[in-house]
Amino acid sequence: MTQLVIFGGTGYAGGNIAREALRRQHTVTSYSRHAPTNPVDGVDYRIGSVTDPDTVRQAAADADQLVIALRAIDIDGGLASHVRGLEQAAIQHHARLSFVGGAGSSLVAPDGPRLVDTPDFHDDWKPEALAHAQVLDALQQAPTELDWFYVSPAALFGAVAPGETTGSYRIGGDQLVTKDDGSSEISGTDFALAYVDEIERQAHLRQRFTVGH
């Protein structure tokens, strides 16, 4: 049984990860700025922010797996500015650090470009996509003793498009996972399946990987 501590466990991605982890008999603690509207039975909910060093240290001390499932631009100073503090706490307490990332930093072809740099990428989505890309950049420069992973979902992912639970997924390395028709999507439940599989299998050490149907 693994102890997961999730920053953002009341959100879409974090909530799905929490439910999948509980289904597999892991323990889950969630930190968020507000109490959940629809709490999940079995989750230990706490109020706290990733911007507070004391909260981060306590979370890491309680965790085998420290999961960050937050919107990158909703955090004071941007999420990337808090990566170093998270890394230090994770190293100190021997926790594996992981992030729910964005699709924007995924490559659309083996040699690029990134999805966020393509002409059709919507301008309104760029601030969040670039903020998540900065988190990935920071992780790729992390101290070698940090155990981390970062998961980029398919292009269509989120509460507005919950998708279908299929019980399966595909992994694409750094490249966006697409279907034969060019579409790219993943449900929250199947994204969580992939995420908790990685927690259990540890197949992507100090790596980003992409997920899609």
N, C-alpha and C. Protein backbone atom coordinates (compact mmCIF):
# COMPACT_ATOMS: atom_id res chain seq x y z
N MET A 1 0.84 -1.20 0.00
CA MET A 1 0.00 0.00 0.00
C MET A 1 0.88 1.24 0.00
N THR A 2 0.61 2.14 -0.92
CA THR A 2 1.39 3.37 -1.11
C THR A 2 0.60 4.55 -0.57
N GLN A 3 1.32 5.51 0.00
CA GLN A 3 0.70 6.73 0.52
C GLN A 3 0.85 7.84 -0.51
N LEU A 4 -0.28 8.25 -1.09
CA LEU A 4 -0.30 9.37 -2.04
C LEU A 4 -0.73 10.63 -1.31
N VAL A 5 -0.01 11.70 -1.53
CA VAL A 5 -0.45 13.02 -1.10
C VAL A 5 -0.61 13.85 -2.37
N ILE A 6 -1.80 14.37 -2.59
CA ILE A 6 -2.13 15.07 -3.83
C ILE A 6 -2.42 16.53 -3.54
N PHE A 7 -1.66 17.43 -4.16
CA PHE A 7 -2.04 18.84 -4.18
C PHE A 7 -2.99 19.02 -5.36
N GLY A 8 -4.23 19.40 -5.06
CA GLY A 8 -5.25 19.51 -6.10
C GLY A 8 -6.12 18.28 -6.19
N GLY A 9 -6.25 17.55 -5.09
CA GLY A 9 -7.05 16.34 -5.09
C GLY A 9 -8.55 16.56 -5.19
N THR A 10 -8.99 17.83 -5.11
CA THR A 10 -10.41 18.12 -5.29
C THR A 10 -10.73 18.51 -6.73
N GLY A 11 -9.72 18.61 -7.58
CA GLY A 11 -9.93 18.99 -8.97
C GLY A 11 -10.22 17.80 -9.86
N TYR A 12 -10.29 18.07 -11.16
CA TYR A 12 -10.68 17.03 -12.12
C TYR A 12 -9.64 15.92 -12.19
N ALA A 13 -8.42 16.25 -12.54
CA ALA A 13 -7.38 15.22 -12.66
C ALA A 13 -7.06 14.61 -11.30
N GLY A 14 -6.85 15.46 -10.30
CA GLY A 14 -6.50 14.97 -8.97
C GLY A 14 -7.57 14.10 -8.36
N GLY A 15 -8.84 14.47 -8.59
CA GLY A 15 -9.94 13.67 -8.06
C GLY A 15 -10.01 12.29 -8.70
N ASN A 16 -9.79 12.24 -10.01
CA ASN A 16 -9.78 10.94 -10.69
C ASN A 16 -8.61 10.08 -10.22
N ILE A 17 -7.44 10.69 -10.02
CA ILE A 17 -6.29 9.94 -9.51
C ILE A 17 -6.58 9.41 -8.11
N ALA A 18 -7.19 10.24 -7.28
CA ALA A 18 -7.52 9.82 -5.91
C ALA A 18 -8.46 8.61 -5.92
N ARG A 19 -9.49 8.66 -6.76
CA ARG A 19 -10.45 7.54 -6.81
C ARG A 19 -9.78 6.26 -7.30
N GLU A 20 -8.93 6.37 -8.32
CA GLU A 20 -8.25 5.19 -8.86
C GLU A 20 -7.28 4.62 -7.82
N ALA A 21 -6.57 5.49 -7.12
CA ALA A 21 -5.63 5.01 -6.10
C ALA A 21 -6.37 4.31 -4.96
N LEU A 22 -7.49 4.87 -4.53
CA LEU A 22 -8.28 4.22 -3.48
C LEU A 22 -8.80 2.87 -3.94
N ARG A 23 -9.21 2.80 -5.19
CA ARG A 23 -9.73 1.53 -5.73
C ARG A 23 -8.67 0.43 -5.62
N ARG A 24 -7.40 0.83 -5.67
CA ARG A 24 -6.31 -0.14 -5.59
C ARG A 24 -5.76 -0.27 -4.17
N GLN A 25 -6.50 0.25 -3.22
CA GLN A 25 -6.16 0.08 -1.80
C GLN A 25 -4.96 0.91 -1.35
N HIS A 26 -4.63 1.98 -2.08
CA HIS A 26 -3.63 2.92 -1.60
C HIS A 26 -4.30 3.93 -0.67
N THR A 27 -3.51 4.65 0.11
CA THR A 27 -4.06 5.70 0.96
C THR A 27 -3.85 7.04 0.28
N VAL A 28 -4.83 7.95 0.46
CA VAL A 28 -4.80 9.23 -0.26
C VAL A 28 -5.09 10.38 0.70
N THR A 29 -4.21 11.37 0.67
CA THR A 29 -4.43 12.65 1.35
C THR A 29 -4.47 13.73 0.29
N SER A 30 -5.42 14.65 0.41
CA SER A 30 -5.56 15.73 -0.55
C SER A 30 -5.39 17.08 0.13
N TYR A 31 -4.55 17.92 -0.47
CA TYR A 31 -4.43 19.32 -0.04
C TYR A 31 -5.05 20.21 -1.10
N SER A 32 -5.88 21.14 -0.65
CA SER A 32 -6.45 22.13 -1.55
C SER A 32 -6.76 23.39 -0.76
N ARG A 33 -7.04 24.47 -1.48
CA ARG A 33 -7.29 25.74 -0.80
C ARG A 33 -8.69 25.81 -0.20
N HIS A 34 -9.57 24.94 -0.67
CA HIS A 34 -10.95 24.92 -0.19
C HIS A 34 -11.40 23.48 0.04
N ALA A 35 -12.36 23.31 0.93
CA ALA A 35 -12.91 21.98 1.18
C ALA A 35 -13.64 21.49 -0.06
N PRO A 36 -13.67 20.19 -0.29
CA PRO A 36 -14.32 19.65 -1.50
C PRO A 36 -15.83 19.81 -1.46
N THR A 37 -16.42 20.06 -2.61
CA THR A 37 -17.88 20.12 -2.72
C THR A 37 -18.47 18.72 -2.66
N ASN A 38 -17.81 17.77 -3.31
CA ASN A 38 -18.25 16.38 -3.33
C ASN A 38 -17.11 15.48 -2.89
N PRO A 39 -16.89 15.35 -1.59
CA PRO A 39 -15.75 14.56 -1.11
C PRO A 39 -15.88 13.09 -1.49
N VAL A 40 -14.73 12.47 -1.69
CA VAL A 40 -14.65 11.05 -2.00
C VAL A 40 -14.41 10.29 -0.70
N ASP A 41 -15.24 9.31 -0.41
CA ASP A 41 -15.06 8.52 0.80
C ASP A 41 -13.68 7.87 0.80
N GLY A 42 -12.97 8.04 1.90
CA GLY A 42 -11.66 7.43 2.04
C GLY A 42 -10.51 8.39 1.87
N VAL A 43 -10.75 9.58 1.29
CA VAL A 43 -9.69 10.58 1.13
C VAL A 43 -9.61 11.43 2.39
N ASP A 44 -8.40 11.66 2.87
CA ASP A 44 -8.16 12.56 3.99
C ASP A 44 -7.95 13.96 3.43
N TYR A 45 -8.95 14.83 3.56
CA TYR A 45 -8.89 16.17 2.98
C TYR A 45 -8.32 17.17 3.98
N ARG A 46 -7.36 17.96 3.50
CA ARG A 46 -6.75 18.99 4.33
C ARG A 46 -6.69 20.30 3.54
N ILE A 47 -6.72 21.40 4.27
CA ILE A 47 -6.62 22.71 3.64
C ILE A 47 -5.15 23.13 3.65
N GLY A 48 -4.65 23.50 2.49
CA GLY A 48 -3.26 23.93 2.40
C GLY A 48 -2.90 24.23 0.97
N SER A 49 -1.81 24.97 0.79
CA SER A 49 -1.39 25.40 -0.53
C SER A 49 0.04 25.00 -0.82
N VAL A 50 0.31 24.73 -2.07
CA VAL A 50 1.66 24.39 -2.51
C VAL A 50 2.60 25.59 -2.37
N THR A 51 2.04 26.78 -2.17
CA THR A 51 2.87 27.97 -2.00
C THR A 51 3.39 28.13 -0.57
N ASP A 52 2.90 27.31 0.36
CA ASP A 52 3.31 27.39 1.76
C ASP A 52 4.39 26.35 2.05
N PRO A 53 5.62 26.78 2.34
CA PRO A 53 6.71 25.80 2.55
C PRO A 53 6.44 24.81 3.67
N ASP A 54 5.81 25.24 4.74
CA ASP A 54 5.53 24.32 5.85
C ASP A 54 4.55 23.23 5.42
N THR A 55 3.54 23.62 4.65
CA THR A 55 2.58 22.64 4.14
C THR A 55 3.26 21.65 3.21
N VAL A 56 4.12 22.15 2.35
CA VAL A 56 4.85 21.28 1.41
C VAL A 56 5.73 20.29 2.15
N ARG A 57 6.43 20.76 3.16
CA ARG A 57 7.30 19.85 3.93
C ARG A 57 6.48 18.79 4.65
N GLN A 58 5.33 19.17 5.22
CA GLN A 58 4.50 18.19 5.90
C GLN A 58 3.93 17.19 4.91
N ALA A 59 3.50 17.67 3.76
CA ALA A 59 2.95 16.79 2.73
C ALA A 59 3.99 15.77 2.28
N ALA A 60 5.22 16.23 2.04
CA ALA A 60 6.28 15.33 1.59
C ALA A 60 6.64 14.32 2.68
N ALA A 61 6.61 14.76 3.93
CA ALA A 61 6.93 13.85 5.03
C ALA A 61 5.91 12.73 5.14
N ASP A 62 4.67 12.99 4.73
CA ASP A 62 3.60 11.99 4.82
C ASP A 62 3.49 11.11 3.58
N ALA A 63 4.28 11.41 2.54
CA ALA A 63 4.03 10.82 1.22
C ALA A 63 5.09 9.80 0.81
N ASP A 64 4.64 8.76 0.16
CA ASP A 64 5.51 7.97 -0.70
C ASP A 64 5.53 8.58 -2.11
N GLN A 65 4.34 9.07 -2.51
CA GLN A 65 4.16 9.68 -3.83
C GLN A 65 3.54 11.06 -3.62
N LEU A 66 4.25 12.11 -4.03
CA LEU A 66 3.77 13.48 -3.91
C LEU A 66 3.30 13.93 -5.28
N VAL A 67 1.98 14.04 -5.44
CA VAL A 67 1.35 14.28 -6.75
C VAL A 67 0.88 15.74 -6.82
N ILE A 68 1.26 16.44 -7.89
CA ILE A 68 0.86 17.83 -8.08
C ILE A 68 -0.10 17.88 -9.26
N ALA A 69 -1.37 18.16 -8.97
CA ALA A 69 -2.41 18.18 -9.99
C ALA A 69 -3.11 19.54 -9.95
N LEU A 70 -2.39 20.58 -10.35
CA LEU A 70 -2.85 21.95 -10.22
C LEU A 70 -2.77 22.67 -11.56
N ARG A 71 -3.65 23.65 -11.75
CA ARG A 71 -3.52 24.56 -12.89
C ARG A 71 -2.29 25.44 -12.65
N ALA A 72 -1.42 25.47 -13.62
CA ALA A 72 -0.11 26.09 -13.41
C ALA A 72 -0.17 27.60 -13.26
N ILE A 73 -1.20 28.25 -13.83
CA ILE A 73 -1.28 29.71 -13.73
C ILE A 73 -2.18 30.16 -12.59
N ASP A 74 -2.79 29.22 -11.89
CA ASP A 74 -3.63 29.59 -10.75
C ASP A 74 -2.82 29.74 -9.46
N ILE A 75 -1.53 29.48 -9.51
CA ILE A 75 -0.67 29.50 -8.34
C ILE A 75 0.08 30.83 -8.31
N ASP A 76 0.17 31.46 -7.14
CA ASP A 76 0.90 32.72 -7.02
C ASP A 76 2.33 32.54 -7.51
N GLY A 77 2.73 33.38 -8.45
CA GLY A 77 4.06 33.29 -9.02
C GLY A 77 4.20 32.25 -10.10
N GLY A 78 3.14 31.49 -10.37
CA GLY A 78 3.22 30.39 -11.35
C GLY A 78 3.75 29.13 -10.69
N LEU A 79 3.25 28.00 -11.11
CA LEU A 79 3.63 26.74 -10.47
C LEU A 79 5.12 26.46 -10.59
N ALA A 80 5.72 26.85 -11.71
CA ALA A 80 7.14 26.56 -11.91
C ALA A 80 8.02 27.20 -10.83
N SER A 81 7.57 28.33 -10.30
CA SER A 81 8.38 29.01 -9.28
C SER A 81 8.41 28.24 -7.96
N HIS A 82 7.56 27.25 -7.80
CA HIS A 82 7.51 26.45 -6.57
C HIS A 82 8.10 25.05 -6.75
N VAL A 83 8.59 24.76 -7.94
CA VAL A 83 9.13 23.42 -8.21
C VAL A 83 10.34 23.13 -7.33
N ARG A 84 11.24 24.09 -7.18
CA ARG A 84 12.45 23.85 -6.39
C ARG A 84 12.11 23.47 -4.95
N GLY A 85 11.15 24.17 -4.35
CA GLY A 85 10.75 23.84 -2.98
C GLY A 85 10.16 22.45 -2.89
N LEU A 86 9.36 22.07 -3.88
CA LEU A 86 8.79 20.72 -3.92
C LEU A 86 9.88 19.68 -4.09
N GLU A 87 10.84 19.96 -4.95
CA GLU A 87 11.95 19.02 -5.15
C GLU A 87 12.73 18.81 -3.86
N GLN A 88 13.06 19.90 -3.17
CA GLN A 88 13.85 19.79 -1.95
C GLN A 88 13.11 18.98 -0.88
N ALA A 89 11.80 19.24 -0.75
CA ALA A 89 11.02 18.50 0.24
C ALA A 89 10.93 17.02 -0.12
N ALA A 90 10.74 16.73 -1.41
CA ALA A 90 10.64 15.34 -1.86
C ALA A 90 11.96 14.60 -1.63
N ILE A 91 13.06 15.24 -1.94
CA ILE A 91 14.37 14.61 -1.72
C ILE A 91 14.59 14.35 -0.24
N GLN A 92 14.30 15.34 0.58
CA GLN A 92 14.53 15.22 2.02
C GLN A 92 13.75 14.06 2.61
N HIS A 93 12.52 13.85 2.13
CA HIS A 93 11.65 12.85 2.73
C HIS A 93 11.50 11.59 1.86
N HIS A 94 12.32 11.48 0.82
CA HIS A 94 12.36 10.28 -0.02
C HIS A 94 11.00 9.98 -0.66
N ALA A 95 10.32 11.03 -1.11
CA ALA A 95 9.05 10.88 -1.81
C ALA A 95 9.29 11.01 -3.32
N ARG A 96 8.52 10.29 -4.10
CA ARG A 96 8.58 10.44 -5.55
C ARG A 96 7.65 11.60 -5.93
N LEU A 97 8.17 12.55 -6.69
CA LEU A 97 7.43 13.75 -7.07
C LEU A 97 6.89 13.59 -8.49
N SER A 98 5.62 13.91 -8.69
CA SER A 98 5.04 13.81 -10.03
C SER A 98 4.07 14.94 -10.28
N PHE A 99 3.86 15.23 -11.56
CA PHE A 99 3.01 16.34 -11.98
C PHE A 99 2.03 15.89 -13.06
N VAL A 100 0.78 16.33 -12.92
CA VAL A 100 -0.17 16.29 -14.03
C VAL A 100 0.17 17.49 -14.89
N GLY A 101 0.69 17.24 -16.08
CA GLY A 101 1.12 18.32 -16.94
C GLY A 101 0.06 18.73 -17.94
N GLY A 102 0.49 19.48 -18.94
CA GLY A 102 -0.41 19.91 -20.00
C GLY A 102 -0.03 19.25 -21.31
N ALA A 103 -0.97 19.32 -22.26
CA ALA A 103 -0.71 18.76 -23.58
C ALA A 103 0.17 19.68 -24.42
N GLY A 104 0.20 20.97 -24.09
CA GLY A 104 0.87 21.95 -24.95
C GLY A 104 2.34 21.70 -25.17
N SER A 105 3.02 21.11 -24.19
CA SER A 105 4.45 20.85 -24.34
C SER A 105 4.75 19.56 -25.10
N SER A 106 3.72 18.79 -25.43
CA SER A 106 3.91 17.56 -26.20
C SER A 106 4.32 17.89 -27.63
N LEU A 107 5.16 17.06 -28.21
CA LEU A 107 5.58 17.23 -29.59
C LEU A 107 4.52 16.67 -30.53
N VAL A 108 4.31 17.33 -31.65
CA VAL A 108 3.33 16.83 -32.63
C VAL A 108 3.99 15.92 -33.66
N ALA A 109 5.31 15.85 -33.66
CA ALA A 109 6.09 14.95 -34.51
C ALA A 109 7.37 14.62 -33.75
N PRO A 110 8.07 13.57 -34.14
CA PRO A 110 9.25 13.17 -33.38
C PRO A 110 10.26 14.29 -33.13
N ASP A 111 10.42 15.19 -34.10
CA ASP A 111 11.37 16.29 -33.97
C ASP A 111 10.69 17.63 -33.67
N GLY A 112 9.43 17.60 -33.25
CA GLY A 112 8.71 18.82 -32.93
C GLY A 112 7.93 19.33 -34.14
N PRO A 113 7.26 20.46 -33.98
CA PRO A 113 7.28 21.37 -32.83
C PRO A 113 6.38 20.90 -31.69
N ARG A 114 6.39 21.68 -30.60
CA ARG A 114 5.44 21.44 -29.53
C ARG A 114 4.04 21.83 -30.00
N LEU A 115 3.05 21.20 -29.41
CA LEU A 115 1.66 21.53 -29.76
C LEU A 115 1.38 23.01 -29.55
N VAL A 116 1.88 23.59 -28.46
CA VAL A 116 1.62 25.00 -28.16
C VAL A 116 2.21 25.93 -29.22
N ASP A 117 3.20 25.47 -29.98
CA ASP A 117 3.85 26.30 -30.98
C ASP A 117 3.27 26.14 -32.38
N THR A 118 2.22 25.33 -32.51
CA THR A 118 1.59 25.14 -33.82
C THR A 118 0.62 26.29 -34.11
N PRO A 119 0.38 26.60 -35.38
CA PRO A 119 -0.44 27.77 -35.73
C PRO A 119 -1.87 27.73 -35.22
N ASP A 120 -2.44 26.54 -35.08
CA ASP A 120 -3.84 26.44 -34.70
C ASP A 120 -4.07 26.40 -33.19
N PHE A 121 -3.01 26.45 -32.41
CA PHE A 121 -3.18 26.41 -30.96
C PHE A 121 -3.81 27.73 -30.50
N HIS A 122 -4.91 27.63 -29.75
CA HIS A 122 -5.70 28.81 -29.40
C HIS A 122 -4.91 29.72 -28.45
N ASP A 123 -4.92 31.02 -28.75
CA ASP A 123 -4.18 31.98 -27.93
C ASP A 123 -4.62 31.98 -26.47
N ASP A 124 -5.90 31.74 -26.23
CA ASP A 124 -6.41 31.76 -24.85
C ASP A 124 -5.83 30.63 -24.01
N TRP A 125 -5.39 29.57 -24.67
CA TRP A 125 -4.85 28.41 -23.94
C TRP A 125 -3.35 28.51 -23.69
N LYS A 126 -2.69 29.45 -24.35
CA LYS A 126 -1.23 29.49 -24.30
C LYS A 126 -0.66 29.78 -22.92
N PRO A 127 -1.23 30.72 -22.13
CA PRO A 127 -0.62 30.98 -20.82
C PRO A 127 -0.53 29.74 -19.94
N GLU A 128 -1.60 28.96 -19.89
CA GLU A 128 -1.58 27.74 -19.08
C GLU A 128 -0.62 26.71 -19.67
N ALA A 129 -0.64 26.55 -20.99
CA ALA A 129 0.24 25.58 -21.63
C ALA A 129 1.71 25.92 -21.41
N LEU A 130 2.05 27.17 -21.55
CA LEU A 130 3.44 27.59 -21.37
C LEU A 130 3.87 27.50 -19.91
N ALA A 131 2.94 27.77 -19.00
CA ALA A 131 3.26 27.64 -17.58
C ALA A 131 3.55 26.19 -17.22
N HIS A 132 2.79 25.27 -17.77
CA HIS A 132 3.08 23.85 -17.53
C HIS A 132 4.39 23.43 -18.20
N ALA A 133 4.68 23.98 -19.36
CA ALA A 133 5.94 23.67 -20.02
C ALA A 133 7.13 24.12 -19.17
N GLN A 134 6.98 25.23 -18.46
CA GLN A 134 8.05 25.70 -17.58
C GLN A 134 8.27 24.73 -16.42
N VAL A 135 7.21 24.11 -15.94
CA VAL A 135 7.35 23.10 -14.89
C VAL A 135 8.19 21.93 -15.40
N LEU A 136 7.88 21.47 -16.61
CA LEU A 136 8.65 20.37 -17.20
C LEU A 136 10.12 20.77 -17.37
N ASP A 137 10.36 21.98 -17.85
CA ASP A 137 11.73 22.45 -18.02
C ASP A 137 12.48 22.42 -16.69
N ALA A 138 11.81 22.85 -15.61
CA ALA A 138 12.44 22.86 -14.30
C ALA A 138 12.76 21.45 -13.83
N LEU A 139 11.84 20.52 -14.04
CA LEU A 139 12.07 19.14 -13.62
C LEU A 139 13.24 18.51 -14.37
N GLN A 140 13.38 18.84 -15.63
CA GLN A 140 14.46 18.26 -16.43
C GLN A 140 15.83 18.76 -15.99
N GLN A 141 15.86 19.78 -15.15
CA GLN A 141 17.11 20.28 -14.58
C GLN A 141 17.23 19.94 -13.09
N ALA A 142 16.39 19.05 -12.60
CA ALA A 142 16.35 18.72 -11.18
C ALA A 142 17.60 17.95 -10.76
N PRO A 143 17.94 18.02 -9.47
CA PRO A 143 19.06 17.22 -8.96
C PRO A 143 18.86 15.74 -9.27
N THR A 144 19.95 15.04 -9.50
CA THR A 144 19.87 13.63 -9.91
C THR A 144 19.26 12.74 -8.85
N GLU A 145 19.28 13.17 -7.58
CA GLU A 145 18.71 12.33 -6.52
C GLU A 145 17.19 12.42 -6.46
N LEU A 146 16.58 13.33 -7.23
CA LEU A 146 15.12 13.44 -7.23
C LEU A 146 14.51 12.39 -8.14
N ASP A 147 13.57 11.63 -7.62
CA ASP A 147 12.78 10.68 -8.41
C ASP A 147 11.50 11.41 -8.83
N TRP A 148 11.28 11.57 -10.14
CA TRP A 148 10.12 12.32 -10.61
C TRP A 148 9.56 11.72 -11.90
N PHE A 149 8.31 12.08 -12.20
CA PHE A 149 7.74 11.86 -13.52
C PHE A 149 6.68 12.92 -13.78
N TYR A 150 6.34 13.09 -15.04
CA TYR A 150 5.43 14.16 -15.49
C TYR A 150 4.58 13.56 -16.60
N VAL A 151 3.28 13.71 -16.50
CA VAL A 151 2.37 13.09 -17.48
C VAL A 151 1.61 14.17 -18.24
N SER A 152 1.76 14.17 -19.56
CA SER A 152 0.99 15.08 -20.42
C SER A 152 -0.21 14.33 -21.00
N PRO A 153 -1.41 14.83 -20.78
CA PRO A 153 -2.59 14.17 -21.36
C PRO A 153 -2.71 14.47 -22.85
N ALA A 154 -3.68 13.84 -23.47
CA ALA A 154 -4.02 14.13 -24.85
C ALA A 154 -4.55 15.56 -24.97
N ALA A 155 -4.73 16.03 -26.19
CA ALA A 155 -5.15 17.41 -26.40
C ALA A 155 -6.51 17.70 -25.80
N LEU A 156 -7.43 16.76 -25.92
CA LEU A 156 -8.78 16.94 -25.37
C LEU A 156 -8.86 16.20 -24.05
N PHE A 157 -8.85 16.97 -22.96
CA PHE A 157 -8.82 16.39 -21.62
C PHE A 157 -9.33 17.44 -20.64
N GLY A 158 -10.26 17.04 -19.78
CA GLY A 158 -10.75 17.97 -18.77
C GLY A 158 -12.21 17.77 -18.47
N ALA A 159 -12.68 18.53 -17.49
CA ALA A 159 -14.05 18.38 -17.02
C ALA A 159 -15.08 18.72 -18.09
N VAL A 160 -14.72 19.59 -19.03
CA VAL A 160 -15.68 19.95 -20.09
C VAL A 160 -15.78 18.85 -21.14
N ALA A 161 -14.84 17.91 -21.13
CA ALA A 161 -14.86 16.80 -22.08
C ALA A 161 -14.41 15.53 -21.37
N PRO A 162 -15.25 15.02 -20.45
CA PRO A 162 -14.82 13.90 -19.60
C PRO A 162 -14.51 12.62 -20.35
N GLY A 163 -15.06 12.47 -21.55
CA GLY A 163 -14.72 11.32 -22.37
C GLY A 163 -15.29 10.01 -21.85
N GLU A 164 -14.88 8.95 -22.49
CA GLU A 164 -15.40 7.61 -22.20
C GLU A 164 -14.35 6.78 -21.46
N THR A 165 -14.81 6.06 -20.45
CA THR A 165 -13.93 5.13 -19.75
C THR A 165 -13.80 3.87 -20.59
N THR A 166 -12.58 3.59 -21.05
CA THR A 166 -12.34 2.40 -21.87
C THR A 166 -11.55 1.34 -21.11
N GLY A 167 -10.89 1.74 -20.03
CA GLY A 167 -10.03 0.81 -19.31
C GLY A 167 -8.70 0.58 -19.99
N SER A 168 -8.37 1.43 -20.96
CA SER A 168 -7.10 1.28 -21.68
C SER A 168 -6.58 2.66 -22.08
N TYR A 169 -5.32 2.68 -22.47
CA TYR A 169 -4.68 3.93 -22.90
C TYR A 169 -3.44 3.58 -23.70
N ARG A 170 -2.90 4.57 -24.39
CA ARG A 170 -1.63 4.41 -25.11
C ARG A 170 -0.65 5.47 -24.62
N ILE A 171 0.63 5.13 -24.66
CA ILE A 171 1.69 6.02 -24.21
C ILE A 171 2.52 6.45 -25.41
N GLY A 172 2.90 7.74 -25.44
CA GLY A 172 3.60 8.26 -26.61
C GLY A 172 4.94 8.90 -26.34
N GLY A 173 5.58 8.63 -25.23
CA GLY A 173 6.87 9.27 -24.97
C GLY A 173 6.70 10.77 -24.86
N ASP A 174 7.43 11.53 -25.67
CA ASP A 174 7.27 12.99 -25.69
C ASP A 174 6.27 13.45 -26.74
N GLN A 175 5.77 12.53 -27.54
CA GLN A 175 4.90 12.90 -28.66
C GLN A 175 3.43 12.76 -28.28
N LEU A 176 2.63 13.72 -28.72
CA LEU A 176 1.19 13.71 -28.48
C LEU A 176 0.58 12.42 -29.02
N VAL A 177 -0.26 11.77 -28.21
CA VAL A 177 -0.93 10.55 -28.64
C VAL A 177 -2.16 10.93 -29.46
N THR A 178 -2.23 10.45 -30.69
CA THR A 178 -3.36 10.75 -31.57
C THR A 178 -3.93 9.45 -32.14
N LYS A 179 -5.18 9.54 -32.58
CA LYS A 179 -5.82 8.42 -33.25
C LYS A 179 -5.55 8.49 -34.75
N ASP A 180 -6.01 7.50 -35.47
CA ASP A 180 -5.78 7.46 -36.91
C ASP A 180 -6.40 8.66 -37.63
N ASP A 181 -7.49 9.20 -37.07
CA ASP A 181 -8.14 10.35 -37.70
C ASP A 181 -7.51 11.68 -37.28
N GLY A 182 -6.45 11.63 -36.48
CA GLY A 182 -5.76 12.85 -36.06
C GLY A 182 -6.26 13.43 -34.75
N SER A 183 -7.38 12.93 -34.23
CA SER A 183 -7.91 13.45 -32.97
C SER A 183 -7.04 12.95 -31.81
N SER A 184 -7.15 13.66 -30.70
CA SER A 184 -6.33 13.34 -29.53
C SER A 184 -7.15 13.58 -28.28
N GLU A 185 -7.46 12.50 -27.55
CA GLU A 185 -8.31 12.66 -26.36
C GLU A 185 -8.03 11.55 -25.36
N ILE A 186 -8.39 11.82 -24.11
CA ILE A 186 -8.29 10.84 -23.03
C ILE A 186 -9.30 11.22 -21.96
N SER A 187 -10.00 10.24 -21.43
CA SER A 187 -10.94 10.50 -20.33
C SER A 187 -10.17 10.67 -19.03
N GLY A 188 -10.82 11.33 -18.07
CA GLY A 188 -10.19 11.49 -16.77
C GLY A 188 -9.93 10.17 -16.07
N THR A 189 -10.82 9.23 -16.25
CA THR A 189 -10.68 7.93 -15.60
C THR A 189 -9.52 7.14 -16.19
N ASP A 190 -9.37 7.17 -17.51
CA ASP A 190 -8.27 6.42 -18.14
C ASP A 190 -6.94 7.13 -17.95
N PHE A 191 -6.94 8.46 -17.86
CA PHE A 191 -5.72 9.18 -17.50
C PHE A 191 -5.27 8.76 -16.11
N ALA A 192 -6.22 8.67 -15.18
CA ALA A 192 -5.89 8.25 -13.81
C ALA A 192 -5.37 6.82 -13.80
N LEU A 193 -5.93 5.97 -14.63
CA LEU A 193 -5.45 4.59 -14.75
C LEU A 193 -3.96 4.58 -15.12
N ALA A 194 -3.60 5.37 -16.12
CA ALA A 194 -2.21 5.45 -16.54
C ALA A 194 -1.33 6.03 -15.44
N TYR A 195 -1.83 7.02 -14.75
CA TYR A 195 -1.04 7.69 -13.71
C TYR A 195 -0.74 6.74 -12.55
N VAL A 196 -1.75 6.04 -12.09
CA VAL A 196 -1.53 5.13 -10.96
C VAL A 196 -0.74 3.90 -11.41
N ASP A 197 -0.89 3.48 -12.65
CA ASP A 197 -0.03 2.42 -13.17
C ASP A 197 1.44 2.83 -13.06
N GLU A 198 1.74 4.09 -13.41
CA GLU A 198 3.12 4.56 -13.31
C GLU A 198 3.59 4.59 -11.86
N ILE A 199 2.73 5.00 -10.96
CA ILE A 199 3.08 4.97 -9.54
C ILE A 199 3.46 3.56 -9.10
N GLU A 200 2.72 2.58 -9.56
CA GLU A 200 2.97 1.20 -9.14
C GLU A 200 4.13 0.55 -9.90
N ARG A 201 4.28 0.86 -11.17
CA ARG A 201 5.25 0.15 -12.01
C ARG A 201 6.60 0.86 -12.13
N GLN A 202 6.60 2.19 -11.95
CA GLN A 202 7.83 2.98 -12.03
C GLN A 202 8.57 2.73 -13.35
N ALA A 203 7.85 2.85 -14.43
CA ALA A 203 8.42 2.57 -15.74
C ALA A 203 9.09 3.79 -16.38
N HIS A 204 8.81 5.00 -15.86
CA HIS A 204 9.32 6.23 -16.46
C HIS A 204 10.04 7.04 -15.38
N LEU A 205 11.25 6.63 -15.07
CA LEU A 205 12.02 7.29 -14.03
C LEU A 205 12.64 8.57 -14.58
N ARG A 206 12.33 9.69 -13.92
CA ARG A 206 12.84 11.01 -14.32
C ARG A 206 12.51 11.29 -15.79
N GLN A 207 11.26 11.02 -16.14
CA GLN A 207 10.82 11.23 -17.52
C GLN A 207 9.44 11.84 -17.58
N ARG A 208 9.18 12.52 -18.72
CA ARG A 208 7.80 12.89 -19.09
C ARG A 208 7.29 11.82 -20.04
N PHE A 209 6.00 11.49 -19.94
CA PHE A 209 5.38 10.66 -20.97
C PHE A 209 3.99 11.19 -21.25
N THR A 210 3.50 10.89 -22.44
CA THR A 210 2.19 11.34 -22.87
C THR A 210 1.21 10.17 -22.85
N VAL A 211 -0.06 10.50 -22.72
CA VAL A 211 -1.12 9.49 -22.60
C VAL A 211 -2.31 9.89 -23.47
N GLY A 212 -2.91 8.93 -24.13
CA GLY A 212 -4.12 9.17 -24.89
C GLY A 212 -4.81 7.86 -25.23
N HIS A 213 -6.00 7.96 -25.74
CA HIS A 213 -6.73 6.75 -26.17
C HIS A 213 -6.18 6.27 -27.52
